[in-house]
Amino acid sequence: LARDYLAPLIQGEDYPPYKNGTPQYAKLKNTLVSKKLKGRFRI
């Protein structure tokens, strides 16, 4: 039913957890990946 689909939207936004008054978001690892292309890439 439409009510089941819309129920999370009706409840409102899911706020992130807070720590010391600021939102605590996920921490990214930001690791580098090896290159797969050999040489330069031209269009």
Protein backbone atom coordinates (compact mmCIF):
# COMPACT_ATOMS: atom_id res chain seq x y z
CA LEU A 1 0.00 0.00 0.00
CA ALA A 2 1.01 3.60 -0.44
CA ARG A 3 0.86 4.15 3.34
CA ASP A 4 3.58 1.52 3.91
CA TYR A 5 5.79 3.17 1.28
CA LEU A 6 5.27 6.70 2.60
CA ALA A 7 5.49 5.91 6.35
CA PRO A 8 9.25 6.64 6.64
CA LEU A 9 8.77 9.93 4.80
CA ILE A 10 5.89 10.93 7.07
CA GLN A 11 7.96 10.23 10.21
CA GLY A 12 10.64 12.71 9.14
CA GLU A 13 14.37 12.85 8.57
CA ASP A 14 16.70 10.32 10.20
CA TYR A 15 19.30 12.54 11.86
CA PRO A 16 22.88 11.30 12.41
CA PRO A 17 24.17 10.67 15.92
CA TYR A 18 25.70 13.71 17.64
CA LYS A 19 28.96 13.91 19.58
CA ASN A 20 29.90 17.10 21.46
CA GLY A 21 27.17 19.02 19.65
CA THR A 22 28.31 18.17 16.10
CA PRO A 23 27.02 15.42 13.80
CA GLN A 24 29.16 12.28 13.78
CA TYR A 25 29.38 11.10 10.17
CA ALA A 26 31.05 8.02 8.73
CA LYS A 27 34.83 8.14 8.47
CA LEU A 28 36.22 7.34 5.03
CA LYS A 29 39.47 5.41 4.58
CA ASN A 30 40.43 7.24 1.32
CA THR A 31 42.81 4.54 0.12
CA LEU A 32 44.47 4.89 -3.27
CA VAL A 33 43.79 2.35 -6.00
CA SER A 34 46.30 1.18 -8.58
CA LYS A 35 46.08 2.54 -12.12
CA LYS A 36 44.58 0.24 -14.74
CA LEU A 37 45.35 2.28 -17.86
CA LYS A 38 48.77 2.10 -19.49
CA GLY A 39 49.97 5.44 -20.82
CA ARG A 40 47.77 8.47 -21.34
CA PHE A 41 44.01 8.52 -21.78
CA ARG A 42 42.85 10.42 -24.85
CA ILE A 43 39.32 11.11 -26.03
